[in-house]
Structure formats: C-alpha cells, structure tokens
C-alpha cells in the first residue's frame, strides 16, 4: 500500500494542479498528506440539514444521522487541515456570490504562488448550476434546522459561516453527534 501511495503521490505532485472532490478525503487525508507536496485545501461547508436530506433521499439515512455524519466529516476536514494552507468557504456563498467567492479562492491561490495559467481556471459552470439547483430544491431544509439539530450543532455550523470558530479547541464531535 505504501508503494502505491508513494507512486500516486509522485504522480499528483508532478502536476501543477490536482483537485479531489471526495467527502471521504476528509477522513483519509492523514494517510495521504505525507505524499502531497505544497497542498492547498479548500473546505466547502455545506448546509447540514440540506446535506442530511440529500443523504436521506439517496441512502435512506435518518435526518438526525445525516446531520451527525455531516458534523463528523466537517470536523474531520477542519482538524486534518488545521496546520496547512486552507480556505474555508460556505456552499451558500459559492452559490449566491459565485464571482466573489471564486475571486477569494483565486486570491488565496495567487498568494500561495500558484502559476498564473492555473490561477485563471474557473469552476465548471455546469458544476455551479447543479449546486444551485440542488440548493433551491432543498431551501426548506434551512427552515428545518432547529427541528433536527442540537444547539451545539447549530452553533458549530454558524461559527463556520461567520468565521468565529476557534480551530485549536475543536473537538471531533459534539455530544449530540457522539450519541448517534
């Protein structure tokens, strides 16, 4: 396994840009990190209730379990990238302030020394359109947050959105999440 990781890591590092959009990477990142040179992480924070409804629709997970899973993955992403270059953005901002959010990402990439030809890469319009349609479909999820989330989970989500979360003191799960 180590040989495969080294080989894949060398292949990834030989490219000037590599993107991975896989929620499981939040948990697997410690295994792969040593093989990824000069990484820059963009943590996209989705709405927990919207995510839970999508998991319920796709996998028939109970909504409360979906929120706990969202919490686990989000906390894992933050904990596993806390000592590295990263940018935390909200899916809501990406959907509703797309240009400004993409500019924020590109500014951070430029500050990290990403080559100009890569700095000009834009997210696929199709991907953004799909996310917008998905968000509109689940707008009711925003109104249901208090029905399914504990106060600790609501506080965690809101601190992600407003940037007030204290990363060094971040625990893996809230008490509610641990109970699930």
C-alpha atoms as a PDB file:
ATOM      1  CA  UNK A   1       0.000   0.000   0.000  1.00  0.00           C
ATOM      2  CA  UNK A   2       2.795   2.449   0.864  1.00  0.00           C
ATOM      3  CA  UNK A   3       4.360   1.880  -2.584  1.00  0.00           C
ATOM      4  CA  UNK A   4       1.050   2.699  -4.282  1.00  0.00           C
ATOM      5  CA  UNK A   5       0.617   5.798  -2.151  1.00  0.00           C
ATOM      6  CA  UNK A   6       4.159   6.979  -2.975  1.00  0.00           C
ATOM      7  CA  UNK A   7       3.613   6.295  -6.687  1.00  0.00           C
ATOM      8  CA  UNK A   8       0.276   8.101  -6.755  1.00  0.00           C
ATOM      9  CA  UNK A   9       1.710  10.945  -4.662  1.00  0.00           C
ATOM     10  CA  UNK A  10       4.612  11.364  -7.097  1.00  0.00           C
ATOM     11  CA  UNK A  11       2.159  11.404  -9.997  1.00  0.00           C
ATOM     12  CA  UNK A  12      -0.041  14.005  -8.291  1.00  0.00           C
ATOM     13  CA  UNK A  13       2.940  16.180  -7.328  1.00  0.00           C
ATOM     14  CA  UNK A  14       4.212  16.149 -10.920  1.00  0.00           C
ATOM     15  CA  UNK A  15       1.088  18.092 -11.926  1.00  0.00           C
ATOM     16  CA  UNK A  16       0.727  21.765 -11.208  1.00  0.00           C
ATOM     17  CA  UNK A  17      -2.931  21.395 -10.194  1.00  0.00           C
ATOM     18  CA  UNK A  18      -4.796  18.456  -8.746  1.00  0.00           C
ATOM     19  CA  UNK A  19      -8.311  18.571  -7.359  1.00  0.00           C
ATOM     20  CA  UNK A  20     -10.083  15.968  -5.288  1.00  0.00           C
ATOM     21  CA  UNK A  21     -13.799  16.363  -4.594  1.00  0.00           C
ATOM     22  CA  UNK A  22     -14.463  13.387  -2.341  1.00  0.00           C
ATOM     23  CA  UNK A  23     -16.048  13.696   1.097  1.00  0.00           C
ATOM     24  CA  UNK A  24     -14.136  10.626   2.322  1.00  0.00           C
ATOM     25  CA  UNK A  25     -10.879  12.548   1.813  1.00  0.00           C
ATOM     26  CA  UNK A  26     -11.793  14.487   4.986  1.00  0.00           C
ATOM     27  CA  UNK A  27     -11.150  11.301   6.936  1.00  0.00           C
ATOM     28  CA  UNK A  28      -8.406   9.768   4.756  1.00  0.00           C
ATOM     29  CA  UNK A  29      -6.291  12.910   4.459  1.00  0.00           C
ATOM     30  CA  UNK A  30      -3.837  11.953   7.250  1.00  0.00           C
ATOM     31  CA  UNK A  31      -2.938   8.821   5.269  1.00  0.00           C
ATOM     32  CA  UNK A  32      -2.290  10.748   2.054  1.00  0.00           C
ATOM     33  CA  UNK A  33      -0.925  14.044   3.343  1.00  0.00           C
ATOM     34  CA  UNK A  34       2.706  12.931   3.525  1.00  0.00           C
ATOM     35  CA  UNK A  35       2.596  12.239  -0.219  1.00  0.00           C
ATOM     36  CA  UNK A  36       1.112  15.579  -1.213  1.00  0.00           C
ATOM     37  CA  UNK A  37       3.621  18.397  -1.522  1.00  0.00           C
ATOM     38  CA  UNK A  38       2.593  22.043  -1.346  1.00  0.00           C
ATOM     39  CA  UNK A  39      -1.102  21.289  -0.832  1.00  0.00           C
ATOM     40  CA  UNK A  40      -3.749  23.986  -0.544  1.00  0.00           C
ATOM     41  CA  UNK A  41      -7.098  22.873   0.870  1.00  0.00           C
ATOM     42  CA  UNK A  42     -10.461  24.429   0.098  1.00  0.00           C
ATOM     43  CA  UNK A  43     -13.016  23.225   2.635  1.00  0.00           C
ATOM     44  CA  UNK A  44     -16.520  23.713   1.277  1.00  0.00           C
ATOM     45  CA  UNK A  45     -19.038  23.915   4.109  1.00  0.00           C
ATOM     46  CA  UNK A  46     -22.487  22.736   3.089  1.00  0.00           C
ATOM     47  CA  UNK A  47     -25.719  23.257   4.982  1.00  0.00           C
ATOM     48  CA  UNK A  48     -26.104  20.387   7.473  1.00  0.00           C
ATOM     49  CA  UNK A  49     -29.855  19.947   7.084  1.00  0.00           C
ATOM     50  CA  UNK A  50     -29.669  20.138   3.289  1.00  0.00           C
ATOM     51  CA  UNK A  51     -26.912  17.525   3.375  1.00  0.00           C
ATOM     52  CA  UNK A  52     -28.959  15.319   5.692  1.00  0.00           C
ATOM     53  CA  UNK A  53     -31.980  15.464   3.381  1.00  0.00           C
ATOM     54  CA  UNK A  54     -29.792  14.570   0.399  1.00  0.00           C
ATOM     55  CA  UNK A  55     -28.396  11.577   2.327  1.00  0.00           C
ATOM     56  CA  UNK A  56     -31.911  10.572   3.287  1.00  0.00           C
ATOM     57  CA  UNK A  57     -33.041  10.738  -0.338  1.00  0.00           C
ATOM     58  CA  UNK A  58     -30.016   8.842  -1.671  1.00  0.00           C
ATOM     59  CA  UNK A  59     -29.302   6.332   1.122  1.00  0.00           C
ATOM     60  CA  UNK A  60     -32.447   6.494   3.311  1.00  0.00           C
ATOM     61  CA  UNK A  61     -30.417   7.690   6.293  1.00  0.00           C
ATOM     62  CA  UNK A  62     -32.457   9.277   9.091  1.00  0.00           C
ATOM     63  CA  UNK A  63     -32.073  13.074   9.046  1.00  0.00           C
ATOM     64  CA  UNK A  64     -30.526  13.192  12.526  1.00  0.00           C
ATOM     65  CA  UNK A  65     -27.915  10.605  11.460  1.00  0.00           C
ATOM     66  CA  UNK A  66     -27.197  12.624   8.292  1.00  0.00           C
ATOM     67  CA  UNK A  67     -26.546  15.734  10.375  1.00  0.00           C
ATOM     68  CA  UNK A  68     -24.209  13.779  12.664  1.00  0.00           C
ATOM     69  CA  UNK A  69     -22.393  12.450   9.576  1.00  0.00           C
ATOM     70  CA  UNK A  70     -22.127  15.998   8.174  1.00  0.00           C
ATOM     71  CA  UNK A  71     -20.695  17.110  11.525  1.00  0.00           C
ATOM     72  CA  UNK A  72     -18.147  14.273  11.597  1.00  0.00           C
ATOM     73  CA  UNK A  73     -16.937  14.913   8.045  1.00  0.00           C
ATOM     74  CA  UNK A  74     -16.798  18.696   8.514  1.00  0.00           C
ATOM     75  CA  UNK A  75     -14.916  18.483  11.807  1.00  0.00           C
ATOM     76  CA  UNK A  76     -12.549  15.901  10.258  1.00  0.00           C
ATOM     77  CA  UNK A  77     -11.828  18.252   7.348  1.00  0.00           C
ATOM     78  CA  UNK A  78     -11.069  21.133   9.704  1.00  0.00           C
ATOM     79  CA  UNK A  79      -8.969  19.092  12.125  1.00  0.00           C
ATOM     80  CA  UNK A  80      -6.989  17.373   9.345  1.00  0.00           C
ATOM     81  CA  UNK A  81      -6.178  20.660   7.578  1.00  0.00           C
ATOM     82  CA  UNK A  82      -5.635  22.947  10.567  1.00  0.00           C
ATOM     83  CA  UNK A  83      -1.844  23.077  10.231  1.00  0.00           C
ATOM     84  CA  UNK A  84      -1.873  23.593   6.454  1.00  0.00           C
ATOM     85  CA  UNK A  85      -2.813  26.257   3.934  1.00  0.00           C
ATOM     86  CA  UNK A  86      -6.557  26.205   3.592  1.00  0.00           C
ATOM     87  CA  UNK A  87      -9.563  28.306   2.844  1.00  0.00           C
ATOM     88  CA  UNK A  88     -12.969  27.602   4.392  1.00  0.00           C
ATOM     89  CA  UNK A  89     -15.895  28.764   2.264  1.00  0.00           C
ATOM     90  CA  UNK A  90     -19.604  28.183   2.509  1.00  0.00           C
ATOM     91  CA  UNK A  91     -21.559  26.461  -0.212  1.00  0.00           C
ATOM     92  CA  UNK A  92     -24.155  29.206   0.238  1.00  0.00           C
ATOM     93  CA  UNK A  93     -21.553  31.860  -0.672  1.00  0.00           C
ATOM     94  CA  UNK A  94     -20.397  29.810  -3.660  1.00  0.00           C
ATOM     95  CA  UNK A  95     -23.973  29.543  -4.898  1.00  0.00           C
ATOM     96  CA  UNK A  96     -25.173  33.060  -4.178  1.00  0.00           C
ATOM     97  CA  UNK A  97     -21.965  35.123  -4.503  1.00  0.00           C
ATOM     98  CA  UNK A  98     -20.182  32.952  -7.037  1.00  0.00           C
ATOM     99  CA  UNK A  99     -17.887  35.583  -8.569  1.00  0.00           C
ATOM    100  CA  UNK A 100     -16.790  36.986  -5.213  1.00  0.00           C
ATOM    101  CA  UNK A 101     -16.203  33.532  -3.751  1.00  0.00           C
ATOM    102  CA  UNK A 102     -14.181  32.383  -6.759  1.00  0.00           C
ATOM    103  CA  UNK A 103     -12.132  35.585  -6.548  1.00  0.00           C
ATOM    104  CA  UNK A 104     -11.435  34.793  -2.893  1.00  0.00           C
ATOM    105  CA  UNK A 105     -10.204  31.315  -3.865  1.00  0.00           C
ATOM    106  CA  UNK A 106      -8.054  32.666  -6.711  1.00  0.00           C
ATOM    107  CA  UNK A 107      -6.558  35.369  -4.474  1.00  0.00           C
ATOM    108  CA  UNK A 108      -5.536  32.721  -1.933  1.00  0.00           C
ATOM    109  CA  UNK A 109      -4.073  30.537  -4.695  1.00  0.00           C
ATOM    110  CA  UNK A 110      -2.140  33.514  -6.089  1.00  0.00           C
ATOM    111  CA  UNK A 111      -0.803  34.309  -2.604  1.00  0.00           C
ATOM    112  CA  UNK A 112       0.455  30.698  -2.435  1.00  0.00           C
ATOM    113  CA  UNK A 113       2.393  31.124  -5.665  1.00  0.00           C
ATOM    114  CA  UNK A 114       0.139  29.133  -7.963  1.00  0.00           C
ATOM    115  CA  UNK A 115       1.214  29.677 -11.592  1.00  0.00           C
ATOM    116  CA  UNK A 116      -0.846  32.337 -13.476  1.00  0.00           C
ATOM    117  CA  UNK A 117      -2.248  29.858 -16.016  1.00  0.00           C
ATOM    118  CA  UNK A 118      -3.782  27.859 -13.174  1.00  0.00           C
ATOM    119  CA  UNK A 119      -4.915  30.923 -11.278  1.00  0.00           C
ATOM    120  CA  UNK A 120      -7.253  31.728 -14.180  1.00  0.00           C
ATOM    121  CA  UNK A 121      -9.055  28.367 -14.014  1.00  0.00           C
ATOM    122  CA  UNK A 122     -12.730  28.773 -13.193  1.00  0.00           C
ATOM    123  CA  UNK A 123     -15.084  26.175 -11.779  1.00  0.00           C
ATOM    124  CA  UNK A 124     -17.241  24.497 -14.391  1.00  0.00           C
ATOM    125  CA  UNK A 125     -20.487  26.377 -14.956  1.00  0.00           C
ATOM    126  CA  UNK A 126     -22.250  23.010 -15.029  1.00  0.00           C
ATOM    127  CA  UNK A 127     -20.998  22.126 -11.521  1.00  0.00           C
ATOM    128  CA  UNK A 128     -22.130  25.501 -10.164  1.00  0.00           C
ATOM    129  CA  UNK A 129     -25.505  25.193 -11.898  1.00  0.00           C
ATOM    130  CA  UNK A 130     -26.033  21.725 -10.406  1.00  0.00           C
ATOM    131  CA  UNK A 131     -25.218  23.035  -6.921  1.00  0.00           C
ATOM    132  CA  UNK A 132     -27.598  25.970  -7.342  1.00  0.00           C
ATOM    133  CA  UNK A 133     -30.430  23.688  -8.464  1.00  0.00           C
ATOM    134  CA  UNK A 134     -29.736  21.334  -5.567  1.00  0.00           C
ATOM    135  CA  UNK A 135     -29.744  24.230  -3.096  1.00  0.00           C
ATOM    136  CA  UNK A 136     -33.049  25.574  -4.412  1.00  0.00           C
ATOM    137  CA  UNK A 137     -34.583  22.113  -4.200  1.00  0.00           C
ATOM    138  CA  UNK A 138     -33.657  21.901  -0.519  1.00  0.00           C
ATOM    139  CA  UNK A 139     -34.327  25.504   0.556  1.00  0.00           C
ATOM    140  CA  UNK A 140     -36.888  24.204   3.026  1.00  0.00           C
ATOM    141  CA  UNK A 141     -34.023  22.444   4.813  1.00  0.00           C
ATOM    142  CA  UNK A 142     -32.784  25.813   6.078  1.00  0.00           C
ATOM    143  CA  UNK A 143     -36.076  26.394   7.873  1.00  0.00           C
ATOM    144  CA  UNK A 144     -35.940  22.950   9.482  1.00  0.00           C
ATOM    145  CA  UNK A 145     -32.508  23.353  11.084  1.00  0.00           C
ATOM    146  CA  UNK A 146     -33.868  23.831  14.606  1.00  0.00           C
ATOM    147  CA  UNK A 147     -36.116  20.780  14.274  1.00  0.00           C
ATOM    148  CA  UNK A 148     -33.213  18.377  13.679  1.00  0.00           C
ATOM    149  CA  UNK A 149     -30.031  19.954  15.022  1.00  0.00           C
ATOM    150  CA  UNK A 150     -28.891  20.309  18.600  1.00  0.00           C
ATOM    151  CA  UNK A 151     -27.912  23.773  19.800  1.00  0.00           C
ATOM    152  CA  UNK A 152     -24.245  22.663  19.750  1.00  0.00           C
ATOM    153  CA  UNK A 153     -24.545  21.600  16.101  1.00  0.00           C
ATOM    154  CA  UNK A 154     -26.278  24.875  15.160  1.00  0.00           C
ATOM    155  CA  UNK A 155     -23.551  26.846  16.982  1.00  0.00           C
ATOM    156  CA  UNK A 156     -20.807  24.848  15.186  1.00  0.00           C
ATOM    157  CA  UNK A 157     -22.383  25.486  11.767  1.00  0.00           C
ATOM    158  CA  UNK A 158     -22.967  29.188  12.409  1.00  0.00           C
ATOM    159  CA  UNK A 159     -19.390  29.650  13.682  1.00  0.00           C
ATOM    160  CA  UNK A 160     -18.143  28.123  10.417  1.00  0.00           C
ATOM    161  CA  UNK A 161     -20.194  30.584   8.407  1.00  0.00           C
ATOM    162  CA  UNK A 162     -19.178  33.689  10.340  1.00  0.00           C
ATOM    163  CA  UNK A 163     -15.528  32.654  10.846  1.00  0.00           C
ATOM    164  CA  UNK A 164     -15.657  32.819  14.643  1.00  0.00           C
ATOM    165  CA  UNK A 165     -14.781  29.165  15.311  1.00  0.00           C
ATOM    166  CA  UNK A 166     -11.663  28.538  17.396  1.00  0.00           C
ATOM    167  CA  UNK A 167      -9.914  25.766  15.429  1.00  0.00           C
ATOM    168  CA  UNK A 168      -7.298  24.730  18.055  1.00  0.00           C
ATOM    169  CA  UNK A 169     -10.057  23.894  20.548  1.00  0.00           C
ATOM    170  CA  UNK A 170     -12.122  21.960  18.019  1.00  0.00           C
ATOM    171  CA  UNK A 171     -13.402  18.618  19.316  1.00  0.00           C
ATOM    172  CA  UNK A 172     -14.111  15.704  16.986  1.00  0.00           C
ATOM    173  CA  UNK A 173     -17.863  15.570  17.701  1.00  0.00           C
ATOM    174  CA  UNK A 174     -20.463  17.384  19.725  1.00  0.00           C
ATOM    175  CA  UNK A 175     -22.239  15.380  22.414  1.00  0.00           C
ATOM    176  CA  UNK A 176     -25.244  15.075  20.093  1.00  0.00           C
ATOM    177  CA  UNK A 177     -23.077  13.689  17.300  1.00  0.00           C
ATOM    178  CA  UNK A 178     -21.470  11.184  19.661  1.00  0.00           C
ATOM    179  CA  UNK A 179     -24.899   9.905  20.696  1.00  0.00           C
ATOM    180  CA  UNK A 180     -25.891   8.946  17.168  1.00  0.00           C
END
